[in-house]
């Protein structure tokens, strides 16, 4: 399966939201971390799921557990955001 995506069709702010979800593992806390509403974060998660064609995070009693695809993407997304911040 081809995992590549067309960056022209992606809102790169979604990577910031993805990174917050990876760090917090909770929609409301991730939303607070990036200063958006909980509903906006939920909407962003839906868009991320569409872009990456994966659930990415599954709701459990312990919070939002990342899927194997999210775990694969996490370090690269975090590194990209760190490099961008240094610019």
Protein backbone atom coordinates (compact mmCIF):
# COMPACT_ATOMS: atom_id res chain seq x y z
CA UNK A 1 0.00 0.00 0.00
CA UNK A 2 1.33 3.44 -0.93
CA UNK A 3 1.76 5.53 2.22
CA UNK A 4 2.84 8.73 0.44
CA UNK A 5 0.62 11.78 0.35
CA UNK A 6 0.35 14.99 -1.60
CA UNK A 7 1.55 17.79 0.69
CA UNK A 8 -0.31 20.39 -1.36
CA UNK A 9 -3.54 18.92 -0.07
CA UNK A 10 -2.47 18.91 3.59
CA UNK A 11 -2.84 21.70 6.15
CA UNK A 12 0.58 21.51 7.78
CA UNK A 13 -0.93 22.71 11.07
CA UNK A 14 -2.32 19.18 11.28
CA UNK A 15 1.22 18.01 12.05
CA UNK A 16 1.27 20.29 15.10
CA UNK A 17 -2.03 18.78 16.24
CA UNK A 18 -0.76 15.24 15.58
CA UNK A 19 2.36 15.94 17.65
CA UNK A 20 0.25 17.28 20.54
CA UNK A 21 -1.94 14.16 20.43
CA UNK A 22 1.15 11.96 20.48
CA UNK A 23 2.51 13.82 23.50
CA UNK A 24 -0.72 14.10 25.49
CA UNK A 25 -2.67 10.99 24.40
CA UNK A 26 -5.82 12.92 25.29
CA UNK A 27 -7.89 15.13 22.97
CA UNK A 28 -8.73 17.86 25.48
CA UNK A 29 -5.19 18.14 26.86
CA UNK A 30 -3.75 18.16 23.34
CA UNK A 31 -6.21 20.90 22.37
CA UNK A 32 -5.18 22.97 25.39
CA UNK A 33 -1.50 22.47 24.53
CA UNK A 34 -1.97 24.04 21.07
CA UNK A 35 -4.62 26.57 22.17
CA UNK A 36 -7.59 25.27 20.19
CA UNK A 37 -10.97 23.98 21.35
CA UNK A 38 -11.62 20.32 22.05
CA UNK A 39 -14.04 20.19 19.12
CA UNK A 40 -11.42 21.73 16.80
CA UNK A 41 -8.93 19.05 17.91
CA UNK A 42 -11.50 16.33 17.29
CA UNK A 43 -12.11 17.79 13.84
CA UNK A 44 -8.35 17.89 13.20
CA UNK A 45 -8.08 14.24 14.23
CA UNK A 46 -10.74 13.38 11.69
CA UNK A 47 -8.81 15.22 9.00
CA UNK A 48 -5.56 13.51 10.05
CA UNK A 49 -7.28 10.13 9.81
CA UNK A 50 -8.42 10.97 6.30
CA UNK A 51 -5.00 12.23 5.18
CA UNK A 52 -3.08 9.27 6.56
CA UNK A 53 -5.81 6.70 5.85
CA UNK A 54 -5.49 5.30 9.36
CA UNK A 55 -7.34 5.69 12.66
CA UNK A 56 -4.05 6.99 14.19
CA UNK A 57 -5.47 7.15 17.73
CA UNK A 58 -7.97 4.76 19.32
CA UNK A 59 -9.99 5.82 22.36
CA UNK A 60 -9.37 3.54 25.35
CA UNK A 61 -9.98 3.79 29.08
CA UNK A 62 -6.39 5.08 29.40
CA UNK A 63 -6.86 7.79 26.77
CA UNK A 64 -6.02 7.89 23.08
CA UNK A 65 -3.71 5.03 22.17
CA UNK A 66 -1.68 5.51 18.97
CA UNK A 67 -1.95 2.91 16.24
CA UNK A 68 1.19 1.33 14.78
CA UNK A 69 0.98 3.88 11.93
CA UNK A 70 0.89 6.79 14.41
CA UNK A 71 3.88 5.32 16.26
CA UNK A 72 5.70 5.09 12.93
CA UNK A 73 4.91 8.71 12.04
CA UNK A 74 5.45 10.22 15.49
CA UNK A 75 9.25 10.61 15.59
CA UNK A 76 9.45 12.01 12.04
CA UNK A 77 6.64 14.51 12.64
CA UNK A 78 8.22 15.64 15.90
CA UNK A 79 11.62 16.08 14.23
CA UNK A 80 10.11 18.07 11.35
CA UNK A 81 8.38 20.40 13.80
CA UNK A 82 11.59 20.89 15.81
CA UNK A 83 13.54 21.68 12.65
CA UNK A 84 10.86 24.10 11.53
CA UNK A 85 10.90 25.87 14.90
CA UNK A 86 14.66 26.40 14.54
CA UNK A 87 14.09 28.24 11.25
